[in-house]
Amino acid sequence: MESVFKYIFAMIVGAMFILFFVGFGKNIISSSEKMDAVVLVAGFDDYLFTLTANEMAKDDQNFGVQTALNFKEGTISSGKNKPTNTNRIVYAPKTLSGTKITTRAIRWAFPYDIDSFFYITNAKYKYVIVYDDSSKDFVNELAESINRTFEIRTYEKSKIASAAPALGRGWTDMSRVTFLMIGDSDISAADKTKIKTAIPKAKFVFAKGLGNEEEPENQWAYGSIEFDGEEGDSYYIGNAMLLGAMYAENKANYDFNFKRAMDRLAAVSMIYDGKIQKLSSAASGCNYNIMAGAFTSLANAAKEAKEGAMDAAKLNSMVSAVESMDETNSRGLDCTAVF
């Protein structure tokens, strides 16, 4: 009888050991997976830097456990941890909750390479670009150029309201569905109501091109942005910024990144200003004087934009100056191009 009790006791002790080590192993795995998010936040800028080698890039991160990443202008944090500053230009929801995130990157140039923009999201967020007759060709070209990386749906404006119920049935558990409307006019109030009824988490952003309408390839190269329900226009220069309006949490997040981009533009322009001065003194017979002052002027305009002094007229002036600079750099120097 005593041996039976010893046997039972041994089984109980053995089971306790097994449960202890299984639990210990699970805790180690869980801690490791949670630590991935903490490590990502701590080395966030370094992580994003790994995506800057190519003009366009994509990376998926699987934390294995529920993780909350919090984004605010210039900072990122994990859960309740202290925010970490970031110097990167990041468009993301205020909070991303889930086990995975997807980070995409596009290099922004104006007219020379300035910096990479980063778009961070997860499967709980969907993005749709809506076009009208004036923007159809532009949106089709945009989608074709980015969809291997971004996987964005496009719809014609006249059909999006009727398509909304079917989209809504497939997106019932989404945190948000953002519709970027690109065109000469906004979607009607009636269609907006139909979309909101079918997709309660729908958000609308409107983009209007300010380029030359007689040159369709340039009409949408830059323009104004309106965030539905928020006052005041924002502005975009190039596709990278235009996409940023779709991924940004709100106007404040978008405008913060616009100003940061203008700061980078000013800094890089002054580097080129120093370069052209050295080239002018070193290369005899080269007509670098034709670009004298151009980089300083662009840097000053960017600094003004950073301080909030931006409107449609100033944006047009800045773009015209850059187009002239780009043309001169390509053909008018009689020597090696500056950029």
C-alpha atoms as a PDB file:
ATOM      1  CA  MET A   1       0.000   0.000   0.000  1.00  0.00           C
ATOM      2  CA  GLU A   2       2.871   2.354   0.859  1.00  0.00           C
ATOM      3  CA  SER A   3       4.417   1.800  -2.595  1.00  0.00           C
ATOM      4  CA  VAL A   4       1.142   2.840  -4.215  1.00  0.00           C
ATOM      5  CA  PHE A   5       1.181   6.156  -2.337  1.00  0.00           C
ATOM      6  CA  LYS A   6       4.807   6.660  -3.331  1.00  0.00           C
ATOM      7  CA  TYR A   7       3.854   6.026  -6.951  1.00  0.00           C
ATOM      8  CA  ILE A   8       0.945   8.501  -6.778  1.00  0.00           C
ATOM      9  CA  PHE A   9       3.166  11.050  -5.033  1.00  0.00           C
ATOM     10  CA  ALA A  10       5.824  10.641  -7.736  1.00  0.00           C
ATOM     11  CA  MET A  11       3.213  11.205 -10.444  1.00  0.00           C
ATOM     12  CA  ILE A  12       1.947  14.373  -8.763  1.00  0.00           C
ATOM     13  CA  VAL A  13       5.475  15.743  -8.308  1.00  0.00           C
ATOM     14  CA  GLY A  14       6.343  14.845 -11.901  1.00  0.00           C
ATOM     15  CA  ALA A  15       3.227  16.570 -13.199  1.00  0.00           C
ATOM     16  CA  MET A  16       4.086  19.660 -11.167  1.00  0.00           C
ATOM     17  CA  PHE A  17       7.580  19.705 -12.667  1.00  0.00           C
ATOM     18  CA  ILE A  18       6.149  19.359 -16.181  1.00  0.00           C
ATOM     19  CA  LEU A  19       3.614  22.149 -15.595  1.00  0.00           C
ATOM     20  CA  PHE A  20       6.346  24.343 -14.118  1.00  0.00           C
ATOM     21  CA  PHE A  21       8.654  23.940 -17.107  1.00  0.00           C
ATOM     22  CA  VAL A  22       5.824  24.319 -19.638  1.00  0.00           C
ATOM     23  CA  GLY A  23       4.693  27.500 -17.905  1.00  0.00           C
ATOM     24  CA  PHE A  24       8.270  28.722 -17.677  1.00  0.00           C
ATOM     25  CA  GLY A  25       8.778  28.054 -21.367  1.00  0.00           C
ATOM     26  CA  LYS A  26       5.601  29.904 -22.293  1.00  0.00           C
ATOM     27  CA  ASN A  27       6.626  32.885 -20.198  1.00  0.00           C
ATOM     28  CA  ILE A  28      10.034  32.974 -21.869  1.00  0.00           C
ATOM     29  CA  ILE A  29       8.446  32.834 -25.325  1.00  0.00           C
ATOM     30  CA  SER A  30       5.853  35.464 -24.419  1.00  0.00           C
ATOM     31  CA  SER A  31       8.483  37.743 -22.919  1.00  0.00           C
ATOM     32  CA  SER A  32      10.653  37.304 -25.985  1.00  0.00           C
ATOM     33  CA  GLU A  33       7.803  38.148 -28.331  1.00  0.00           C
ATOM     34  CA  LYS A  34       6.780  41.174 -26.258  1.00  0.00           C
ATOM     35  CA  MET A  35      10.410  42.205 -26.142  1.00  0.00           C
ATOM     36  CA  ASP A  36      10.381  42.343 -29.959  1.00  0.00           C
ATOM     37  CA  ALA A  37       8.038  45.339 -29.766  1.00  0.00           C
ATOM     38  CA  VAL A  38      10.159  46.999 -27.090  1.00  0.00           C
ATOM     39  CA  VAL A  39      13.325  46.431 -29.118  1.00  0.00           C
ATOM     40  CA  LEU A  40      11.604  47.755 -32.249  1.00  0.00           C
ATOM     41  CA  VAL A  41      10.628  50.944 -30.434  1.00  0.00           C
ATOM     42  CA  ALA A  42      14.078  51.404 -28.870  1.00  0.00           C
ATOM     43  CA  GLY A  43      15.787  51.046 -32.244  1.00  0.00           C
ATOM     44  CA  PHE A  44      12.950  52.436 -34.340  1.00  0.00           C
ATOM     45  CA  ASP A  45      14.973  54.849 -36.468  1.00  0.00           C
ATOM     46  CA  ASP A  46      17.618  52.186 -37.098  1.00  0.00           C
ATOM     47  CA  TYR A  47      14.903  49.716 -38.130  1.00  0.00           C
ATOM     48  CA  LEU A  48      13.400  52.222 -40.584  1.00  0.00           C
ATOM     49  CA  PHE A  49      16.857  53.019 -41.935  1.00  0.00           C
ATOM     50  CA  THR A  50      17.129  49.414 -43.159  1.00  0.00           C
ATOM     51  CA  LEU A  51      14.244  50.156 -45.545  1.00  0.00           C
ATOM     52  CA  THR A  52      15.849  53.187 -47.189  1.00  0.00           C
ATOM     53  CA  ALA A  53      18.248  51.429 -49.550  1.00  0.00           C
ATOM     54  CA  ASN A  54      15.616  51.099 -52.277  1.00  0.00           C
ATOM     55  CA  GLU A  55      13.245  53.642 -53.761  1.00  0.00           C
ATOM     56  CA  MET A  56      10.335  51.583 -52.424  1.00  0.00           C
ATOM     57  CA  ALA A  57      10.321  48.869 -49.742  1.00  0.00           C
ATOM     58  CA  LYS A  58       8.046  46.771 -47.524  1.00  0.00           C
ATOM     59  CA  ASP A  59       8.605  44.843 -44.302  1.00  0.00           C
ATOM     60  CA  ASP A  60       6.321  42.767 -42.060  1.00  0.00           C
ATOM     61  CA  GLN A  61       6.876  42.319 -38.321  1.00  0.00           C
ATOM     62  CA  ASN A  62       5.141  39.521 -36.374  1.00  0.00           C
ATOM     63  CA  PHE A  63       5.230  40.002 -32.595  1.00  0.00           C
ATOM     64  CA  GLY A  64       3.367  36.777 -31.885  1.00  0.00           C
ATOM     65  CA  VAL A  65       1.279  38.395 -29.136  1.00  0.00           C
ATOM     66  CA  GLN A  66      -1.115  41.318 -28.898  1.00  0.00           C
ATOM     67  CA  THR A  67       0.924  44.500 -28.969  1.00  0.00           C
ATOM     68  CA  ALA A  68      -0.073  48.164 -28.976  1.00  0.00           C
ATOM     69  CA  LEU A  69       2.184  50.636 -30.769  1.00  0.00           C
ATOM     70  CA  ASN A  70       1.377  54.292 -30.159  1.00  0.00           C
ATOM     71  CA  PHE A  71       2.353  56.984 -32.644  1.00  0.00           C
ATOM     72  CA  LYS A  72       2.366  60.688 -31.965  1.00  0.00           C
ATOM     73  CA  GLU A  73       4.050  63.530 -33.798  1.00  0.00           C
ATOM     74  CA  GLY A  74       7.744  62.668 -33.547  1.00  0.00           C
ATOM     75  CA  THR A  75       7.414  59.794 -31.060  1.00  0.00           C
ATOM     76  CA  ILE A  76       6.576  56.080 -30.822  1.00  0.00           C
ATOM     77  CA  SER A  77       5.862  53.920 -27.765  1.00  0.00           C
ATOM     78  CA  SER A  78       4.879  50.344 -26.982  1.00  0.00           C
ATOM     79  CA  GLY A  79       2.019  49.804 -24.551  1.00  0.00           C
ATOM     80  CA  LYS A  80       2.507  52.027 -21.503  1.00  0.00           C
ATOM     81  CA  ASN A  81       6.262  52.404 -21.955  1.00  0.00           C
ATOM     82  CA  LYS A  82       7.864  55.828 -22.201  1.00  0.00           C
ATOM     83  CA  PRO A  83       7.721  57.275 -25.764  1.00  0.00           C
ATOM     84  CA  THR A  84      10.870  57.210 -27.878  1.00  0.00           C
ATOM     85  CA  ASN A  85      11.665  60.135 -30.163  1.00  0.00           C
ATOM     86  CA  THR A  86      11.965  59.456 -33.872  1.00  0.00           C
ATOM     87  CA  ASN A  87      13.530  61.653 -36.534  1.00  0.00           C
ATOM     88  CA  ARG A  88      11.776  59.787 -39.329  1.00  0.00           C
ATOM     89  CA  ILE A  89       8.768  60.941 -41.345  1.00  0.00           C
ATOM     90  CA  VAL A  90       6.124  58.428 -40.281  1.00  0.00           C
ATOM     91  CA  TYR A  91       2.463  58.207 -41.292  1.00  0.00           C
ATOM     92  CA  ALA A  92       0.479  55.866 -39.062  1.00  0.00           C
ATOM     93  CA  PRO A  93      -2.708  55.529 -36.990  1.00  0.00           C
ATOM     94  CA  LYS A  94      -2.552  56.903 -33.466  1.00  0.00           C
ATOM     95  CA  THR A  95      -2.552  53.358 -32.056  1.00  0.00           C
ATOM     96  CA  LEU A  96      -1.878  50.088 -33.845  1.00  0.00           C
ATOM     97  CA  SER A  97      -3.105  47.075 -31.878  1.00  0.00           C
ATOM     98  CA  GLY A  98      -2.487  43.523 -33.010  1.00  0.00           C
ATOM     99  CA  THR A  99       0.154  40.878 -33.436  1.00  0.00           C
ATOM    100  CA  LYS A 100       1.604  42.199 -36.702  1.00  0.00           C
ATOM    101  CA  ILE A 101       2.520  45.450 -38.415  1.00  0.00           C
ATOM    102  CA  THR A 102       3.450  46.270 -41.991  1.00  0.00           C
ATOM    103  CA  THR A 103       5.901  49.065 -42.782  1.00  0.00           C
ATOM    104  CA  ARG A 104       6.244  50.528 -46.262  1.00  0.00           C
ATOM    105  CA  ALA A 105       8.728  53.133 -47.447  1.00  0.00           C
ATOM    106  CA  ILE A 106       9.015  55.461 -50.435  1.00  0.00           C
ATOM    107  CA  ARG A 107      11.902  57.792 -51.173  1.00  0.00           C
ATOM    108  CA  TRP A 108      10.789  61.402 -51.654  1.00  0.00           C
ATOM    109  CA  ALA A 109      12.610  63.629 -54.157  1.00  0.00           C
ATOM    110  CA  PHE A 110      12.056  67.327 -54.928  1.00  0.00           C
ATOM    111  CA  PRO A 111      13.795  67.489 -57.352  1.00  0.00           C
ATOM    112  CA  TYR A 112      16.723  65.594 -55.788  1.00  0.00           C
ATOM    113  CA  ASP A 113      16.465  62.822 -53.201  1.00  0.00           C
ATOM    114  CA  ILE A 114      15.519  64.285 -49.828  1.00  0.00           C
ATOM    115  CA  ASP A 115      14.387  61.535 -47.464  1.00  0.00           C
ATOM    116  CA  SER A 116      12.279  58.383 -47.184  1.00  0.00           C
ATOM    117  CA  PHE A 117       8.686  58.445 -45.967  1.00  0.00           C
ATOM    118  CA  PHE A 118       7.323  55.536 -43.911  1.00  0.00           C
ATOM    119  CA  TYR A 119       3.760  54.212 -43.770  1.00  0.00           C
ATOM    120  CA  ILE A 120       2.946  51.860 -40.892  1.00  0.00           C
ATOM    121  CA  THR A 121      -0.307  49.917 -40.579  1.00  0.00           C
ATOM    122  CA  ASN A 122      -1.801  46.467 -40.011  1.00  0.00           C
ATOM    123  CA  ALA A 123      -4.616  44.261 -41.301  1.00  0.00           C
ATOM    124  CA  LYS A 124      -7.229  46.221 -39.339  1.00  0.00           C
ATOM    125  CA  TYR A 125      -6.847  49.209 -41.654  1.00  0.00           C
ATOM    126  CA  LYS A 126      -7.942  49.380 -45.283  1.00  0.00           C
ATOM    127  CA  TYR A 127      -7.171  52.032 -47.891  1.00  0.00           C
ATOM    128  CA  VAL A 128      -9.123  52.934 -51.024  1.00  0.00           C
ATOM    129  CA  ILE A 129      -8.306  55.532 -53.693  1.00  0.00           C
ATOM    130  CA  VAL A 130     -11.317  57.013 -55.477  1.00  0.00           C
ATOM    131  CA  TYR A 131     -10.933  58.815 -58.809  1.00  0.00           C
ATOM    132  CA  ASP A 132     -13.075  60.797 -61.247  1.00  0.00           C
ATOM    133  CA  ASP A 133     -12.689  61.393 -64.983  1.00  0.00           C
ATOM    134  CA  SER A 134     -10.030  64.052 -64.460  1.00  0.00           C
ATOM    135  CA  SER A 135      -7.819  61.848 -62.243  1.00  0.00           C
ATOM    136  CA  LYS A 136      -8.492  58.398 -63.714  1.00  0.00           C
ATOM    137  CA  ASP A 137      -5.277  58.097 -65.710  1.00  0.00           C
ATOM    138  CA  PHE A 138      -3.178  59.460 -62.872  1.00  0.00           C
ATOM    139  CA  VAL A 139      -4.662  57.062 -60.302  1.00  0.00           C
ATOM    140  CA  ASN A 140      -4.259  54.081 -62.623  1.00  0.00           C
ATOM    141  CA  GLU A 141      -0.584  54.938 -63.146  1.00  0.00           C
ATOM    142  CA  LEU A 142      -0.109  55.526 -59.419  1.00  0.00           C
ATOM    143  CA  ALA A 143      -1.707  52.200 -58.519  1.00  0.00           C
ATOM    144  CA  GLU A 144       0.366  50.357 -61.104  1.00  0.00           C
ATOM    145  CA  SER A 145       3.580  51.882 -59.773  1.00  0.00           C
ATOM    146  CA  ILE A 146       2.963  51.116 -56.081  1.00  0.00           C
ATOM    147  CA  ASN A 147       0.631  48.130 -55.827  1.00  0.00           C
ATOM    148  CA  ARG A 148       3.339  45.485 -55.510  1.00  0.00           C
ATOM    149  CA  THR A 149       4.197  47.207 -52.271  1.00  0.00           C
ATOM    150  CA  PHE A 150       0.988  48.939 -51.152  1.00  0.00           C
ATOM    151  CA  GLU A 151      -1.898  46.721 -52.381  1.00  0.00           C
ATOM    152  CA  ILE A 152      -4.432  49.559 -52.524  1.00  0.00           C
ATOM    153  CA  ARG A 153      -7.882  49.282 -54.083  1.00  0.00           C
ATOM    154  CA  THR A 154      -9.149  51.885 -56.541  1.00  0.00           C
ATOM    155  CA  TYR A 155     -12.749  52.774 -57.437  1.00  0.00           C
ATOM    156  CA  GLU A 156     -14.469  55.206 -59.758  1.00  0.00           C
ATOM    157  CA  LYS A 157     -16.245  57.967 -57.854  1.00  0.00           C
ATOM    158  CA  SER A 158     -19.600  57.317 -59.528  1.00  0.00           C
ATOM    159  CA  LYS A 159     -19.501  53.660 -58.421  1.00  0.00           C
ATOM    160  CA  ILE A 160     -18.043  53.750 -54.912  1.00  0.00           C
ATOM    161  CA  ALA A 161     -21.352  54.362 -53.096  1.00  0.00           C
ATOM    162  CA  SER A 162     -23.000  51.346 -54.736  1.00  0.00           C
ATOM    163  CA  ALA A 163     -19.910  49.226 -54.006  1.00  0.00           C
ATOM    164  CA  ALA A 164     -19.812  50.241 -50.338  1.00  0.00           C
ATOM    165  CA  PRO A 165     -22.315  47.658 -48.961  1.00  0.00           C
ATOM    166  CA  ALA A 166     -20.289  44.761 -50.380  1.00  0.00           C
ATOM    167  CA  LEU A 167     -17.070  46.273 -49.072  1.00  0.00           C
ATOM    168  CA  GLY A 168     -18.671  46.847 -45.686  1.00  0.00           C
ATOM    169  CA  ARG A 169     -19.745  43.212 -45.351  1.00  0.00           C
ATOM    170  CA  GLY A 170     -16.149  42.134 -45.835  1.00  0.00           C
ATOM    171  CA  TRP A 171     -14.733  44.814 -43.540  1.00  0.00           C
ATOM    172  CA  THR A 172     -16.994  44.554 -40.495  1.00  0.00           C
ATOM    173  CA  ASP A 173     -14.094  44.225 -38.034  1.00  0.00           C
ATOM    174  CA  MET A 174     -11.890  46.985 -39.444  1.00  0.00           C
ATOM    175  CA  SER A 175     -10.561  49.713 -37.162  1.00  0.00           C
ATOM    176  CA  ARG A 176     -10.742  52.187 -40.030  1.00  0.00           C
ATOM    177  CA  VAL A 177     -11.275  52.348 -43.794  1.00  0.00           C
ATOM    178  CA  THR A 178      -9.737  55.439 -45.395  1.00  0.00           C
ATOM    179  CA  PHE A 179     -11.024  56.745 -48.714  1.00  0.00           C
ATOM    180  CA  LEU A 180      -8.639  59.084 -50.525  1.00  0.00           C
ATOM    181  CA  MET A 181     -10.715  61.020 -53.043  1.00  0.00           C
ATOM    182  CA  ILE A 182      -8.551  62.390 -55.867  1.00  0.00           C
ATOM    183  CA  GLY A 183     -10.348  64.613 -58.342  1.00  0.00           C
ATOM    184  CA  ASP A 184     -11.711  68.004 -59.314  1.00  0.00           C
ATOM    185  CA  SER A 185     -14.665  67.753 -56.940  1.00  0.00           C
ATOM    186  CA  ASP A 186     -15.482  66.059 -53.640  1.00  0.00           C
ATOM    187  CA  ILE A 187     -17.826  63.124 -53.315  1.00  0.00           C
ATOM    188  CA  SER A 188     -21.453  64.145 -52.798  1.00  0.00           C
ATOM    189  CA  ALA A 189     -22.934  64.336 -49.310  1.00  0.00           C
ATOM    190  CA  ALA A 190     -25.487  61.663 -50.259  1.00  0.00           C
ATOM    191  CA  ASP A 191     -22.801  59.232 -51.417  1.00  0.00           C
ATOM    192  CA  LYS A 192     -20.742  59.952 -48.321  1.00  0.00           C
ATOM    193  CA  THR A 193     -23.752  59.071 -46.160  1.00  0.00           C
ATOM    194  CA  LYS A 194     -24.274  55.806 -48.063  1.00  0.00           C
ATOM    195  CA  ILE A 195     -20.624  54.871 -47.539  1.00  0.00           C
ATOM    196  CA  LYS A 196     -20.722  55.756 -43.834  1.00  0.00           C
ATOM    197  CA  THR A 197     -23.890  53.700 -43.406  1.00  0.00           C
ATOM    198  CA  ALA A 198     -22.280  50.650 -45.029  1.00  0.00           C
ATOM    199  CA  ILE A 199     -18.839  51.245 -43.468  1.00  0.00           C
ATOM    200  CA  PRO A 200     -19.231  53.057 -40.119  1.00  0.00           C
ATOM    201  CA  LYS A 201     -15.450  53.322 -39.656  1.00  0.00           C
ATOM    202  CA  ALA A 202     -15.011  55.127 -42.991  1.00  0.00           C
ATOM    203  CA  LYS A 203     -12.757  58.190 -43.090  1.00  0.00           C
ATOM    204  CA  PHE A 204     -12.486  60.630 -46.009  1.00  0.00           C
ATOM    205  CA  VAL A 205      -9.515  62.600 -47.314  1.00  0.00           C
ATOM    206  CA  PHE A 206      -9.801  64.803 -50.399  1.00  0.00           C
ATOM    207  CA  ALA A 207      -6.938  65.703 -52.761  1.00  0.00           C
ATOM    208  CA  LYS A 208      -7.077  68.246 -55.557  1.00  0.00           C
ATOM    209  CA  GLY A 209      -4.278  68.749 -58.056  1.00  0.00           C
ATOM    210  CA  LEU A 210      -2.911  72.271 -58.493  1.00  0.00           C
ATOM    211  CA  GLY A 211      -0.706  71.528 -61.488  1.00  0.00           C
ATOM    212  CA  ASN A 212      -1.303  72.580 -65.066  1.00  0.00           C
ATOM    213  CA  GLU A 213      -4.571  71.027 -66.238  1.00  0.00           C
ATOM    214  CA  GLU A 214      -3.317  71.198 -69.820  1.00  0.00           C
ATOM    215  CA  GLU A 215      -0.508  68.828 -68.844  1.00  0.00           C
ATOM    216  CA  PRO A 216      -2.289  65.786 -67.327  1.00  0.00           C
ATOM    217  CA  GLU A 217       0.994  64.186 -66.274  1.00  0.00           C
ATOM    218  CA  ASN A 218       1.715  67.229 -64.087  1.00  0.00           C
ATOM    219  CA  GLN A 219      -1.776  68.175 -62.912  1.00  0.00           C
ATOM    220  CA  TRP A 220      -1.601  65.864 -59.898  1.00  0.00           C
ATOM    221  CA  ALA A 221       2.129  66.232 -59.167  1.00  0.00           C
ATOM    222  CA  TYR A 222       1.261  68.556 -56.298  1.00  0.00           C
ATOM    223  CA  GLY A 223      -1.883  69.955 -54.760  1.00  0.00           C
ATOM    224  CA  SER A 224      -4.072  70.539 -51.730  1.00  0.00           C
ATOM    225  CA  ILE A 225      -5.351  68.106 -49.107  1.00  0.00           C
ATOM    226  CA  GLU A 226      -8.543  68.372 -47.070  1.00  0.00           C
ATOM    227  CA  PHE A 227      -9.227  66.111 -44.098  1.00  0.00           C
ATOM    228  CA  ASP A 228     -12.959  65.599 -43.709  1.00  0.00           C
ATOM    229  CA  GLY A 229     -14.262  67.283 -40.573  1.00  0.00           C
ATOM    230  CA  GLU A 230     -11.073  69.324 -40.008  1.00  0.00           C
ATOM    231  CA  GLU A 231     -10.564  72.960 -40.936  1.00  0.00           C
ATOM    232  CA  GLY A 232      -7.937  74.296 -43.291  1.00  0.00           C
ATOM    233  CA  ASP A 233      -6.084  72.960 -46.310  1.00  0.00           C
ATOM    234  CA  SER A 234      -2.870  70.984 -46.193  1.00  0.00           C
ATOM    235  CA  TYR A 235      -0.584  70.494 -49.194  1.00  0.00           C
ATOM    236  CA  TYR A 236       1.298  67.707 -50.900  1.00  0.00           C
ATOM    237  CA  ILE A 237       4.265  67.557 -53.257  1.00  0.00           C
ATOM    238  CA  GLY A 238       4.658  64.263 -55.097  1.00  0.00           C
ATOM    239  CA  ASN A 239       3.073  60.850 -54.693  1.00  0.00           C
ATOM    240  CA  ALA A 240       4.892  60.020 -51.463  1.00  0.00           C
ATOM    241  CA  MET A 241       3.203  62.912 -49.653  1.00  0.00           C
ATOM    242  CA  LEU A 242      -0.137  62.221 -51.318  1.00  0.00           C
ATOM    243  CA  LEU A 243      -0.091  58.676 -49.959  1.00  0.00           C
ATOM    244  CA  GLY A 244       0.910  60.048 -46.578  1.00  0.00           C
ATOM    245  CA  ALA A 245      -2.419  61.871 -46.392  1.00  0.00           C
ATOM    246  CA  MET A 246      -4.164  58.514 -46.639  1.00  0.00           C
ATOM    247  CA  TYR A 247      -2.070  56.839 -43.927  1.00  0.00           C
ATOM    248  CA  ALA A 248      -1.916  59.761 -41.489  1.00  0.00           C
ATOM    249  CA  GLU A 249      -4.051  59.677 -38.343  1.00  0.00           C
ATOM    250  CA  ASN A 250      -5.288  63.216 -38.924  1.00  0.00           C
ATOM    251  CA  LYS A 251      -4.382  66.654 -40.225  1.00  0.00           C
ATOM    252  CA  ALA A 252      -2.065  67.347 -37.276  1.00  0.00           C
ATOM    253  CA  ASN A 253       0.002  64.223 -37.997  1.00  0.00           C
ATOM    254  CA  TYR A 254       0.117  65.041 -41.699  1.00  0.00           C
ATOM    255  CA  ASP A 255       1.096  68.700 -41.211  1.00  0.00           C
ATOM    256  CA  PHE A 256       3.814  67.742 -38.720  1.00  0.00           C
ATOM    257  CA  ASN A 257       5.369  65.473 -41.341  1.00  0.00           C
ATOM    258  CA  PHE A 258       5.002  68.108 -44.066  1.00  0.00           C
ATOM    259  CA  LYS A 259       6.951  70.593 -41.941  1.00  0.00           C
ATOM    260  CA  ARG A 260       9.581  67.972 -41.165  1.00  0.00           C
ATOM    261  CA  ALA A 261       9.916  67.269 -44.900  1.00  0.00           C
ATOM    262  CA  MET A 262      10.347  71.005 -45.571  1.00  0.00           C
ATOM    263  CA  ASP A 263      13.085  71.107 -42.918  1.00  0.00           C
ATOM    264  CA  ARG A 264      14.903  68.237 -44.690  1.00  0.00           C
ATOM    265  CA  LEU A 265      14.422  69.948 -48.052  1.00  0.00           C
ATOM    266  CA  ALA A 266      16.024  73.128 -46.714  1.00  0.00           C
ATOM    267  CA  ALA A 267      18.979  71.228 -45.242  1.00  0.00           C
ATOM    268  CA  VAL A 268      19.685  69.201 -48.402  1.00  0.00           C
ATOM    269  CA  SER A 269      19.308  72.302 -50.605  1.00  0.00           C
ATOM    270  CA  MET A 270      22.003  74.093 -48.622  1.00  0.00           C
ATOM    271  CA  ILE A 271      24.305  71.109 -49.118  1.00  0.00           C
ATOM    272  CA  TYR A 272      23.823  71.474 -52.875  1.00  0.00           C
ATOM    273  CA  ASP A 273      24.386  75.227 -52.571  1.00  0.00           C
ATOM    274  CA  GLY A 274      27.796  74.500 -51.057  1.00  0.00           C
ATOM    275  CA  LYS A 275      28.489  71.963 -53.793  1.00  0.00           C
ATOM    276  CA  ILE A 276      27.712  74.381 -56.623  1.00  0.00           C
ATOM    277  CA  GLN A 277      29.976  77.023 -55.110  1.00  0.00           C
ATOM    278  CA  LYS A 278      32.863  74.572 -55.063  1.00  0.00           C
ATOM    279  CA  LEU A 279      32.106  73.411 -58.612  1.00  0.00           C
ATOM    280  CA  SER A 280      31.983  77.011 -59.841  1.00  0.00           C
ATOM    281  CA  SER A 281      35.444  77.747 -58.497  1.00  0.00           C
ATOM    282  CA  ALA A 282      36.994  74.432 -59.550  1.00  0.00           C
ATOM    283  CA  ALA A 283      35.543  73.834 -63.020  1.00  0.00           C
ATOM    284  CA  SER A 284      36.517  76.544 -65.477  1.00  0.00           C
ATOM    285  CA  GLY A 285      34.318  76.907 -68.521  1.00  0.00           C
ATOM    286  CA  CYS A 286      31.258  75.435 -66.798  1.00  0.00           C
ATOM    287  CA  ASN A 287      28.157  77.597 -66.634  1.00  0.00           C
ATOM    288  CA  TYR A 288      27.258  76.945 -62.991  1.00  0.00           C
ATOM    289  CA  ASN A 289      26.429  80.611 -62.427  1.00  0.00           C
ATOM    290  CA  ILE A 290      23.107  79.968 -64.111  1.00  0.00           C
ATOM    291  CA  MET A 291      22.042  78.107 -60.954  1.00  0.00           C
ATOM    292  CA  ALA A 292      23.630  80.512 -58.496  1.00  0.00           C
ATOM    293  CA  GLY A 293      21.222  81.295 -55.695  1.00  0.00           C
ATOM    294  CA  ALA A 294      18.646  78.706 -56.788  1.00  0.00           C
ATOM    295  CA  PHE A 295      19.386  76.310 -53.951  1.00  0.00           C
ATOM    296  CA  THR A 296      19.422  79.071 -51.346  1.00  0.00           C
ATOM    297  CA  SER A 297      16.092  80.378 -52.627  1.00  0.00           C
ATOM    298  CA  LEU A 298      14.555  76.911 -52.422  1.00  0.00           C
ATOM    299  CA  ALA A 299      15.952  76.420 -48.923  1.00  0.00           C
ATOM    300  CA  ASN A 300      14.442  79.732 -47.809  1.00  0.00           C
ATOM    301  CA  ALA A 301      11.062  78.835 -49.313  1.00  0.00           C
ATOM    302  CA  ALA A 302      11.163  75.475 -47.540  1.00  0.00           C
ATOM    303  CA  LYS A 303      11.985  77.165 -44.232  1.00  0.00           C
ATOM    304  CA  GLU A 304       8.997  79.468 -44.668  1.00  0.00           C
ATOM    305  CA  ALA A 305       6.789  76.474 -45.417  1.00  0.00           C
ATOM    306  CA  LYS A 306       8.094  74.750 -42.288  1.00  0.00           C
ATOM    307  CA  GLU A 307       6.952  77.732 -40.247  1.00  0.00           C
ATOM    308  CA  GLY A 308       3.461  77.362 -41.679  1.00  0.00           C
ATOM    309  CA  ALA A 309       3.667  79.982 -44.414  1.00  0.00           C
ATOM    310  CA  MET A 310       2.225  77.834 -47.192  1.00  0.00           C
ATOM    311  CA  ASP A 311      -0.703  78.379 -49.518  1.00  0.00           C
ATOM    312  CA  ALA A 312      -1.593  77.434 -53.082  1.00  0.00           C
ATOM    313  CA  ALA A 313       0.225  80.443 -54.605  1.00  0.00           C
ATOM    314  CA  LYS A 314       3.438  79.794 -52.664  1.00  0.00           C
ATOM    315  CA  LEU A 315       3.291  76.104 -53.505  1.00  0.00           C
ATOM    316  CA  ASN A 316       2.929  76.920 -57.206  1.00  0.00           C
ATOM    317  CA  SER A 317       5.883  79.279 -56.992  1.00  0.00           C
ATOM    318  CA  MET A 318       8.048  76.686 -55.245  1.00  0.00           C
ATOM    319  CA  VAL A 319       7.197  73.970 -57.763  1.00  0.00           C
ATOM    320  CA  SER A 320       7.870  76.298 -60.730  1.00  0.00           C
ATOM    321  CA  ALA A 321      11.285  77.161 -59.311  1.00  0.00           C
ATOM    322  CA  VAL A 322      12.129  73.481 -58.821  1.00  0.00           C
ATOM    323  CA  GLU A 323      11.006  72.595 -62.345  1.00  0.00           C
ATOM    324  CA  SER A 324      13.256  75.341 -63.740  1.00  0.00           C
ATOM    325  CA  MET A 325      16.143  74.138 -61.570  1.00  0.00           C
ATOM    326  CA  ASP A 326      15.664  70.566 -62.738  1.00  0.00           C
ATOM    327  CA  GLU A 327      15.580  71.619 -66.383  1.00  0.00           C
ATOM    328  CA  THR A 328      18.737  73.706 -66.009  1.00  0.00           C
ATOM    329  CA  ASN A 329      20.531  70.916 -64.192  1.00  0.00           C
ATOM    330  CA  SER A 330      19.746  68.496 -67.016  1.00  0.00           C
ATOM    331  CA  ARG A 331      20.524  70.666 -70.021  1.00  0.00           C
ATOM    332  CA  GLY A 332      21.865  74.115 -69.273  1.00  0.00           C
ATOM    333  CA  LEU A 333      25.157  73.723 -67.446  1.00  0.00           C
ATOM    334  CA  ASP A 334      27.497  72.698 -70.280  1.00  0.00           C
ATOM    335  CA  CYS A 335      29.181  70.490 -67.672  1.00  0.00           C
ATOM    336  CA  THR A 336      28.571  67.794 -65.054  1.00  0.00           C
ATOM    337  CA  ALA A 337      25.082  67.981 -63.522  1.00  0.00           C
ATOM    338  CA  VAL A 338      24.870  69.167 -59.919  1.00  0.00           C
ATOM    339  CA  PHE A 339      22.368  66.488 -58.885  1.00  0.00           C
END
